[in-house]
Amino acid sequence: MRPHVTSSTNVLVIGGSGLIGSEVVARLIAEGAGVVALARRIDDAARRVPQVRWVWADIASMKSPADWFPHLVGVDAVVNCAGVLQDAPGDDVRSVFVDAVAALTAACGDAGVRRIVHISAIGVDRGSESDFSAAKLEGDRALMGSPLDWVILRPSVVLGRRAYGGSALIRGLAALPFLPVMPGTGLLQVVQLDDLVDTILFFLSPGAPNQVAIEIAGPEPMPLPSIVQAYRRWLGLPRARVMPLPEALASFLYRLGDLISRLGWRPPMRTTAQREIVRGAVGDPGEWIRLTGTQPRSVSESLVAEPASVQERWFASLYFLKPVVFGVFSLFWIATGLISIGPGYDTGVALMERGGAGAFSGPSVLAGGLADLLIGIGIAFRRTARAALYGAIAISLFYAVAGTAILPELWLDPLGPMLKIWPILALNLVALALLPDR
């Protein structure tokens, strides 16, 4: 397969800042095509790839053809890479996979845009294990019922050099000193991101087949532990001991992922994933190979072709440390706030009075405790985490200055209340560096 998109082709990429969409955008630019990219997170993407016209859009709210018409002007083809795992604040599975797809399909028909390459998921046509697969299938059928030149690609788990979602999770698992295995995990025929993107560009090329729904699967079904062990070798780590997790612990971790998602984060381990992994992610790549001439690469082939760098090892090692850092840091600030306005209030007031604060002692302790509490809550929520971390830096520096001015002898306190400000500041900076997830 030699995908080629003519330089006169203009393509609308939906979900252009995601794992698959960002790679599609990059390849289209290399082919000389014009690109319009829709996404909810476009600021960083626009700085990285200024050659593209980036448009902010909440796809879940685009339920009418009229919502899509402005973005289809001058467009020759559409690639839909938008996806969410399950309902959460800001994420609505049915709106993204059913309502928006139906509206997009109708809008393309009215606007004369005939070619749509739509990314679905492997196995959704074999029974619905979750709201995710049920909605995916309903959206697929809405597109398949149209007279457009549609192409539906149903990939297995997608792995590549870009790390996000399952691709990031496998790296994180590979860096652990042991290999936890969730009960009931089916086999996976993982597909390489480059192979999938090659396929997308193939179906955008002139004369490519249309009105086909094909499975995109790797050459070999593998259990998850084997894939993780391959990534351990890639990272230069020895084999890890496999430790099956008890059903109760696994269920707790999936539900914990659901709870974290309600705070705006997007952990790949959620109850939807729990339901989907029972089916596994396997399929028949025969039609894919026949239509495109693709020779899917195995996990080992793709890893050998691109040796792991120190950046990869850092990312893998930090993957599970990130939620620990944010969780501990959030609880730390919440706890200090509650202690300040609760059992530690009198002690705090006494210290302030000893420093000469007088009538301001009580209000100062109360204000500091409430500020700590707000910072801790802010760090817990993804949307406010960055602002809260900057707030934590500012208030830590304020405490250092105010404490020095009021009670300079605290610098010599054997418990080190002033000295402990500096490791807290360092952890703040680490958390800020870990905050981006793509």
Protein backbone atom coordinates (compact mmCIF):
# COMPACT_ATOMS: atom_id res chain seq x y z
CA MET A 1 0.00 0.00 0.00
CA ARG A 2 1.29 3.43 -0.94
CA PRO A 3 -1.25 5.94 0.40
CA HIS A 4 -1.36 9.18 -1.49
CA VAL A 5 -3.65 12.14 -1.02
CA THR A 6 -3.51 14.75 -3.74
CA SER A 7 -2.31 18.20 -2.76
CA SER A 8 -5.63 19.65 -3.91
CA THR A 9 -7.56 17.60 -1.35
CA ASN A 10 -8.98 19.41 1.67
CA VAL A 11 -9.72 17.17 4.66
CA LEU A 12 -11.69 17.84 7.82
CA VAL A 13 -10.18 15.83 10.71
CA ILE A 14 -12.54 15.48 13.68
CA GLY A 15 -10.69 14.86 16.93
CA GLY A 16 -7.53 16.24 15.36
CA SER A 17 -5.61 16.59 18.63
CA GLY A 18 -6.10 12.99 19.80
CA LEU A 19 -3.84 9.97 19.49
CA ILE A 20 -5.02 8.94 16.02
CA GLY A 21 -6.21 12.35 14.81
CA SER A 22 -2.93 14.13 15.49
CA GLU A 23 -1.01 11.54 13.48
CA VAL A 24 -3.53 11.80 10.63
CA VAL A 25 -3.10 15.59 10.63
CA ALA A 26 0.70 15.25 10.48
CA ARG A 27 0.58 12.77 7.60
CA LEU A 28 -1.90 14.85 5.62
CA ILE A 29 0.38 17.87 5.93
CA ALA A 30 3.30 15.76 4.68
CA GLU A 31 1.16 14.76 1.68
CA GLY A 32 0.48 18.42 0.94
CA ALA A 33 -3.24 18.26 1.66
CA GLY A 34 -5.21 21.10 3.19
CA VAL A 35 -6.37 20.33 6.72
CA VAL A 36 -9.09 21.67 8.98
CA ALA A 37 -8.93 20.07 12.44
CA LEU A 38 -11.74 20.10 14.99
CA ALA A 39 -11.01 19.42 18.65
CA ARG A 40 -11.83 20.54 22.16
CA ARG A 41 -8.16 21.11 23.02
CA ILE A 42 -6.58 23.20 20.31
CA ASP A 43 -4.26 25.71 21.99
CA ASP A 44 -1.23 23.42 22.29
CA ALA A 45 -2.00 21.72 18.98
CA ALA A 46 -2.23 25.06 17.17
CA ARG A 47 1.19 26.07 18.50
CA ARG A 48 2.75 22.75 17.50
CA VAL A 49 1.15 22.55 14.05
CA PRO A 50 0.40 26.07 12.78
CA GLN A 51 -0.01 24.81 9.19
CA VAL A 52 -3.50 23.58 10.09
CA ARG A 53 -6.66 25.59 10.57
CA TRP A 54 -7.67 24.59 14.07
CA VAL A 55 -11.28 24.99 15.14
CA TRP A 56 -12.53 24.55 18.68
CA ALA A 57 -15.65 22.41 18.77
CA ASP A 58 -17.52 20.34 21.32
CA ILE A 59 -18.54 17.47 19.09
CA ALA A 60 -21.03 16.16 21.64
CA SER A 61 -23.11 19.31 21.15
CA MET A 62 -23.09 19.13 17.33
CA LYS A 63 -26.35 17.22 16.94
CA SER A 64 -27.80 19.10 13.97
CA PRO A 65 -26.55 19.22 10.35
CA ALA A 66 -26.50 23.01 10.71
CA ASP A 67 -23.78 22.64 13.36
CA TRP A 68 -21.54 20.96 10.80
CA PHE A 69 -22.18 23.03 7.66
CA PRO A 70 -19.69 25.86 8.48
CA HIS A 71 -16.88 23.31 8.85
CA LEU A 72 -17.62 21.52 5.56
CA VAL A 73 -17.15 24.53 3.29
CA GLY A 74 -14.41 23.70 0.77
CA VAL A 75 -13.90 20.24 2.27
CA ASP A 76 -13.45 17.19 0.03
CA ALA A 77 -13.35 14.45 2.67
CA VAL A 78 -13.85 13.89 6.38
CA VAL A 79 -11.90 11.72 8.83
CA ASN A 80 -13.73 11.15 12.10
CA CYS A 81 -11.34 10.19 14.90
CA ALA A 82 -13.43 11.53 17.78
CA GLY A 83 -13.85 9.22 20.72
CA VAL A 84 -14.66 8.97 24.42
CA LEU A 85 -14.57 5.89 26.64
CA GLN A 86 -17.63 6.47 28.81
CA ASP A 87 -19.91 9.14 30.18
CA ALA A 88 -18.19 11.62 32.48
CA PRO A 89 -18.20 15.39 33.01
CA GLY A 90 -17.66 16.80 29.53
CA ASP A 91 -17.97 13.38 27.86
CA ASP A 92 -21.21 11.95 26.48
CA VAL A 93 -20.85 8.63 24.66
CA ARG A 94 -24.18 8.69 22.83
CA SER A 95 -23.85 12.31 21.76
CA VAL A 96 -20.38 11.74 20.26
CA PHE A 97 -20.92 8.32 18.67
CA VAL A 98 -24.57 8.50 17.61
CA ASP A 99 -26.08 11.98 17.50
CA ALA A 100 -23.01 13.79 16.15
CA VAL A 101 -22.30 11.06 13.57
CA ALA A 102 -25.88 11.11 12.30
CA ALA A 103 -25.81 14.91 12.02
CA LEU A 104 -22.42 14.83 10.30
CA THR A 105 -23.64 12.22 7.82
CA ALA A 106 -26.69 14.28 6.89
CA ALA A 107 -24.62 17.46 6.63
CA CYS A 108 -22.07 15.81 4.33
CA GLY A 109 -24.88 14.60 2.07
CA ASP A 110 -26.37 18.09 1.83
CA ALA A 111 -22.96 19.77 1.40
CA GLY A 112 -21.78 17.38 -1.32
CA VAL A 113 -18.93 15.90 0.75
CA ARG A 114 -19.05 12.27 -0.24
CA ARG A 115 -16.03 10.65 1.41
CA ILE A 116 -16.06 9.90 5.16
CA VAL A 117 -13.47 7.70 6.83
CA HIS A 118 -14.90 6.84 10.23
CA ILE A 119 -12.93 5.27 13.09
CA SER A 120 -15.00 2.77 15.05
CA ALA A 121 -13.79 -0.10 17.26
CA ILE A 122 -13.22 -3.79 16.70
CA GLY A 123 -15.92 -6.15 17.89
CA VAL A 124 -18.76 -3.65 18.23
CA ASP A 125 -20.76 -5.65 15.70
CA ARG A 126 -20.48 -8.83 17.80
CA GLY A 127 -22.66 -7.79 20.68
CA SER A 128 -22.68 -4.81 22.99
CA GLU A 129 -20.64 -5.27 26.14
CA SER A 130 -21.12 -1.64 27.18
CA ASP A 131 -22.74 1.67 26.29
CA PHE A 132 -19.52 2.41 24.40
CA SER A 133 -19.83 -0.48 21.94
CA ALA A 134 -23.61 -0.10 21.62
CA ALA A 135 -23.27 3.57 20.71
CA LYS A 136 -20.37 2.88 18.35
CA LEU A 137 -22.44 0.32 16.47
CA GLU A 138 -25.47 2.60 16.25
CA GLY A 139 -23.31 5.38 14.83
CA ASP A 140 -21.75 2.97 12.33
CA ARG A 141 -25.19 1.92 11.14
CA ALA A 142 -26.30 5.53 10.71
CA LEU A 143 -23.35 6.08 8.38
CA MET A 144 -23.80 2.75 6.58
CA GLY A 145 -27.41 3.66 5.79
CA SER A 146 -26.32 6.70 3.81
CA PRO A 147 -25.45 6.86 0.07
CA LEU A 148 -22.08 8.49 0.84
CA ASP A 149 -18.70 6.96 0.01
CA TRP A 150 -18.19 5.89 3.61
CA VAL A 151 -15.41 3.75 5.01
CA ILE A 152 -15.64 2.36 8.54
CA LEU A 153 -12.40 1.20 10.13
CA ARG A 154 -12.65 -0.91 13.28
CA PRO A 155 -9.22 -1.06 14.86
CA SER A 156 -8.11 -3.18 17.77
CA VAL A 157 -6.06 -1.56 20.55
CA VAL A 158 -3.82 0.98 18.82
CA LEU A 159 -0.18 1.24 19.88
CA GLY A 160 2.50 3.62 18.64
CA ARG A 161 5.21 6.04 19.64
CA ARG A 162 2.55 8.50 20.76
CA ALA A 163 1.43 7.47 24.22
CA TYR A 164 -2.17 8.01 25.24
CA GLY A 165 -4.93 5.80 26.63
CA GLY A 166 -4.15 2.11 26.23
CA SER A 167 -0.80 2.85 24.60
CA ALA A 168 0.25 4.81 27.69
CA LEU A 169 -1.19 2.23 30.09
CA ILE A 170 0.87 -0.58 28.59
CA ARG A 171 4.05 1.48 28.99
CA GLY A 172 3.13 2.19 32.60
CA LEU A 173 2.45 -1.48 33.31
CA ALA A 174 5.79 -2.38 31.72
CA ALA A 175 7.68 -0.18 34.19
CA LEU A 176 6.16 -1.74 37.33
CA PRO A 177 8.29 -4.20 39.33
CA PHE A 178 5.51 -6.79 38.90
CA LEU A 179 2.87 -7.35 36.22
CA PRO A 180 -0.71 -7.05 37.55
CA VAL A 181 -3.29 -8.90 35.44
CA MET A 182 -6.98 -8.09 35.60
CA PRO A 183 -9.25 -11.15 35.67
CA GLY A 184 -11.15 -11.97 32.49
CA THR A 185 -8.85 -10.13 30.10
CA GLY A 186 -9.27 -11.47 26.56
CA LEU A 187 -6.70 -11.71 23.79
CA LEU A 188 -5.58 -8.61 21.89
CA GLN A 189 -4.51 -8.22 18.28
CA VAL A 190 -2.93 -4.83 18.74
CA VAL A 191 -2.45 -2.68 15.67
CA GLN A 192 0.31 -0.18 15.07
CA LEU A 193 -0.67 3.47 14.78
CA ASP A 194 1.38 3.92 11.60
CA ASP A 195 -0.42 1.01 9.93
CA LEU A 196 -3.80 2.49 10.84
CA VAL A 197 -2.86 5.96 9.58
CA ASP A 198 -1.50 4.49 6.33
CA THR A 199 -4.91 2.85 5.91
CA ILE A 200 -6.79 6.08 6.54
CA LEU A 201 -4.74 7.87 3.89
CA PHE A 202 -5.24 4.98 1.49
CA PHE A 203 -9.00 5.34 1.73
CA LEU A 204 -8.70 9.09 1.16
CA SER A 205 -6.82 8.56 -2.10
CA PRO A 206 -8.60 8.86 -5.47
CA GLY A 207 -10.33 5.67 -6.58
CA ALA A 208 -10.06 3.94 -3.19
CA PRO A 209 -12.82 1.45 -2.30
CA ASN A 210 -15.83 2.75 -0.43
CA GLN A 211 -18.88 1.55 1.49
CA VAL A 212 -16.79 -1.00 3.35
CA ALA A 213 -16.49 -1.76 7.06
CA ILE A 214 -13.26 -3.58 7.86
CA GLU A 215 -11.46 -4.79 10.94
CA ILE A 216 -7.98 -3.44 11.58
CA ALA A 217 -6.13 -6.04 13.64
CA GLY A 218 -2.53 -7.05 14.16
CA PRO A 219 -1.04 -10.29 12.83
CA GLU A 220 -1.20 -12.26 16.08
CA PRO A 221 -3.58 -12.55 19.06
CA MET A 222 -1.64 -12.06 22.29
CA PRO A 223 -2.54 -12.02 25.98
CA LEU A 224 -1.94 -8.66 27.63
CA PRO A 225 0.94 -9.94 29.81
CA SER A 226 2.88 -10.96 26.69
CA ILE A 227 2.46 -7.48 25.20
CA VAL A 228 3.60 -5.85 28.44
CA GLN A 229 6.61 -8.19 28.67
CA ALA A 230 7.56 -7.18 25.11
CA TYR A 231 7.49 -3.54 26.19
CA ARG A 232 9.64 -4.41 29.21
CA ARG A 233 12.27 -5.85 26.89
CA TRP A 234 12.01 -2.70 24.79
CA LEU A 235 12.65 -0.58 27.89
CA GLY A 236 15.63 -2.75 28.82
CA LEU A 237 13.91 -4.29 31.86
CA PRO A 238 13.94 -7.98 32.88
CA ARG A 239 10.81 -10.08 32.83
CA ALA A 240 8.37 -9.24 35.60
CA ARG A 241 6.51 -11.65 37.79
CA VAL A 242 2.87 -11.97 36.71
CA MET A 243 0.43 -11.35 39.56
CA PRO A 244 -3.27 -11.99 38.81
CA LEU A 245 -5.39 -9.55 40.79
CA PRO A 246 -8.35 -10.79 42.85
CA GLU A 247 -11.75 -10.02 41.35
CA ALA A 248 -12.68 -7.72 44.25
CA LEU A 249 -9.49 -5.66 43.95
CA ALA A 250 -9.84 -5.40 40.17
CA SER A 251 -13.44 -4.20 40.48
CA PHE A 252 -12.37 -1.64 43.07
CA LEU A 253 -9.67 -0.28 40.75
CA TYR A 254 -12.09 0.02 37.83
CA ARG A 255 -14.60 1.88 40.02
CA LEU A 256 -11.82 4.07 41.33
CA GLY A 257 -11.12 4.96 37.70
CA ASP A 258 -14.79 5.93 37.32
CA LEU A 259 -14.51 8.17 40.38
CA ILE A 260 -11.35 9.82 39.06
CA SER A 261 -13.06 10.42 35.71
CA ARG A 262 -15.79 12.39 37.50
CA LEU A 263 -13.08 14.83 38.51
CA GLY A 264 -12.31 15.46 34.83
CA TRP A 265 -9.34 13.09 34.43
CA ARG A 266 -9.37 10.33 31.81
CA PRO A 267 -7.93 7.12 33.23
CA PRO A 268 -8.06 4.18 30.77
CA MET A 269 -9.05 1.79 33.59
CA ARG A 270 -12.79 2.32 34.04
CA THR A 271 -15.80 0.03 34.20
CA THR A 272 -16.34 0.36 30.44
CA ALA A 273 -12.88 -1.08 29.89
CA GLN A 274 -13.74 -3.84 32.39
CA ARG A 275 -16.73 -4.85 30.27
CA GLU A 276 -14.93 -4.54 26.94
CA ILE A 277 -11.83 -6.58 27.83
CA VAL A 278 -13.98 -9.64 28.44
CA ARG A 279 -14.54 -9.81 24.67
CA GLY A 280 -10.91 -8.98 23.97
CA ALA A 281 -9.90 -7.13 20.84
CA VAL A 282 -9.32 -9.70 18.11
CA GLY A 283 -10.48 -9.91 14.53
CA ASP A 284 -9.76 -10.99 11.00
CA PRO A 285 -7.36 -8.66 9.16
CA GLY A 286 -7.88 -10.53 5.88
CA GLU A 287 -10.20 -7.97 4.25
CA TRP A 288 -7.90 -5.15 5.35
CA ILE A 289 -4.89 -6.86 3.81
CA ARG A 290 -6.78 -7.71 0.61
CA LEU A 291 -8.14 -4.22 0.01
CA THR A 292 -5.04 -2.19 0.92
CA GLY A 293 -2.10 -4.54 0.54
CA THR A 294 -1.09 -3.78 4.14
CA GLN A 295 1.19 -6.18 5.95
CA PRO A 296 0.39 -5.49 9.61
CA ARG A 297 3.44 -5.28 11.82
CA SER A 298 3.71 -7.28 15.01
CA VAL A 299 4.47 -5.77 18.39
CA SER A 300 8.05 -7.07 18.35
CA GLU A 301 8.70 -5.80 14.81
CA SER A 302 7.51 -2.31 15.62
CA LEU A 303 9.48 -2.10 18.88
CA VAL A 304 12.72 -3.36 17.34
CA ALA A 305 12.39 -0.77 14.57
CA GLU A 306 12.37 2.11 17.08
CA PRO A 307 14.57 1.53 20.15
CA ALA A 308 13.36 3.03 23.41
CA SER A 309 14.90 6.33 24.43
CA VAL A 310 15.44 7.70 27.93
CA GLN A 311 12.27 9.76 27.40
CA GLU A 312 10.30 6.54 26.98
CA ARG A 313 11.75 5.11 30.17
CA TRP A 314 10.94 8.31 32.06
CA PHE A 315 7.36 8.32 30.81
CA ALA A 316 6.81 4.66 31.66
CA SER A 317 8.27 5.07 35.16
CA LEU A 318 6.21 8.18 35.87
CA TYR A 319 2.90 6.90 34.48
CA PHE A 320 1.57 5.44 37.73
CA LEU A 321 3.45 7.96 39.85
CA LYS A 322 1.42 10.79 38.31
CA PRO A 323 -1.91 9.87 39.97
CA VAL A 324 -0.02 9.20 43.20
CA VAL A 325 1.58 12.66 43.09
CA PHE A 326 -1.72 14.42 42.40
CA GLY A 327 -3.66 12.33 44.90
CA VAL A 328 -1.15 12.78 47.72
CA PHE A 329 -0.69 16.46 46.96
CA SER A 330 -4.43 17.12 46.90
CA LEU A 331 -4.96 15.26 50.18
CA PHE A 332 -1.98 17.06 51.74
CA TRP A 333 -3.43 20.51 51.08
CA ILE A 334 -6.94 19.45 52.10
CA ALA A 335 -5.61 17.92 55.33
CA THR A 336 -3.55 21.00 56.24
CA GLY A 337 -6.58 23.18 55.62
CA LEU A 338 -8.87 21.05 57.77
CA ILE A 339 -6.30 20.87 60.56
CA SER A 340 -5.78 24.65 60.48
CA ILE A 341 -9.48 25.46 60.86
CA GLY A 342 -10.12 22.48 63.13
CA PRO A 343 -7.95 20.85 65.80
CA GLY A 344 -4.89 22.97 65.03
CA TYR A 345 -6.70 26.29 65.13
CA ASP A 346 -5.73 27.23 68.71
CA THR A 347 -2.10 26.30 68.13
CA GLY A 348 -2.01 28.43 64.99
CA VAL A 349 -3.57 31.39 66.78
CA ALA A 350 -1.06 31.08 69.63
CA LEU A 351 1.84 31.16 67.15
CA MET A 352 0.44 34.22 65.41
CA GLU A 353 -0.08 36.00 68.72
CA ARG A 354 3.47 35.14 69.74
CA GLY A 355 4.63 36.82 66.55
CA GLY A 356 2.67 39.96 67.32
CA ALA A 357 -0.31 39.54 64.96
CA GLY A 358 -2.74 40.48 67.73
CA ALA A 359 -6.37 40.72 66.62
CA PHE A 360 -5.45 39.42 63.16
CA SER A 361 -4.27 36.08 64.54
CA GLY A 362 -7.58 34.21 64.34
CA PRO A 363 -8.68 35.56 60.94
CA SER A 364 -5.20 34.88 59.51
CA VAL A 365 -5.22 31.25 60.61
CA LEU A 366 -8.76 30.81 59.30
CA ALA A 367 -7.88 32.43 55.94
CA GLY A 368 -4.79 30.27 55.57
CA GLY A 369 -6.72 27.11 56.33
CA LEU A 370 -9.46 27.93 53.83
CA ALA A 371 -6.85 28.77 51.18
CA ASP A 372 -5.14 25.41 51.73
CA LEU A 373 -8.49 23.64 51.51
CA LEU A 374 -9.40 25.35 48.22
CA ILE A 375 -6.00 24.55 46.73
CA GLY A 376 -6.35 20.87 47.63
CA ILE A 377 -9.82 20.66 46.09
CA GLY A 378 -8.60 22.56 43.01
CA ILE A 379 -5.73 20.10 42.47
CA ALA A 380 -8.16 17.18 42.59
CA PHE A 381 -10.14 18.45 39.59
CA ARG A 382 -8.47 18.28 36.16
CA ARG A 383 -9.98 21.53 34.94
CA THR A 384 -8.64 23.57 37.88
CA ALA A 385 -5.47 21.62 38.66
CA ARG A 386 -3.05 23.94 36.87
CA ALA A 387 -4.42 27.09 38.50
CA ALA A 388 -4.46 25.37 41.89
CA LEU A 389 -0.82 24.30 41.51
CA TYR A 390 0.21 27.87 40.75
CA GLY A 391 -1.84 28.92 43.76
CA ALA A 392 0.04 26.38 45.88
CA ILE A 393 3.36 27.85 44.74
CA ALA A 394 2.21 31.38 45.51
CA ILE A 395 0.88 30.57 48.97
CA SER A 396 3.95 28.49 49.84
CA LEU A 397 6.20 31.45 49.01
CA PHE A 398 3.88 33.71 51.01
CA TYR A 399 4.13 31.39 54.00
CA ALA A 400 7.93 31.46 53.72
CA VAL A 401 8.03 35.27 53.66
CA ALA A 402 5.34 35.79 56.32
CA GLY A 403 6.76 33.12 58.60
CA THR A 404 10.22 34.66 58.36
CA ALA A 405 8.85 38.10 59.18
CA ILE A 406 6.64 37.01 62.09
CA LEU A 407 8.57 34.12 63.66
CA PRO A 408 12.08 33.82 62.15
CA GLU A 409 13.01 31.25 64.82
CA LEU A 410 10.83 28.74 62.95
CA TRP A 411 13.78 28.24 60.61
CA LEU A 412 15.59 26.59 63.54
CA ASP A 413 12.63 24.48 64.69
CA PRO A 414 13.74 20.81 64.81
CA LEU A 415 10.56 19.76 62.94
CA GLY A 416 11.55 22.07 60.06
CA PRO A 417 8.19 23.73 59.24
CA MET A 418 9.95 26.39 57.15
CA LEU A 419 12.45 24.06 55.52
CA LYS A 420 9.64 21.74 54.41
CA ILE A 421 8.26 24.50 52.19
CA TRP A 422 11.01 23.89 49.64
CA PRO A 423 10.37 20.19 48.91
CA ILE A 424 6.69 21.13 48.66
CA LEU A 425 7.59 23.73 46.04
CA ALA A 426 9.69 21.16 44.19
CA LEU A 427 6.75 18.71 44.16
CA ASN A 428 4.56 21.51 42.81
CA LEU A 429 6.90 21.93 39.87
CA VAL A 430 6.97 18.19 39.26
CA ALA A 431 3.17 18.08 39.26
CA LEU A 432 3.01 20.94 36.75
CA ALA A 433 5.44 19.07 34.47
CA LEU A 434 3.33 15.89 34.70
CA LEU A 435 -0.01 17.59 34.15
CA PRO A 436 -0.28 17.34 30.29
CA ASP A 437 -1.62 13.97 29.17
CA ARG A 438 -1.11 14.28 25.41
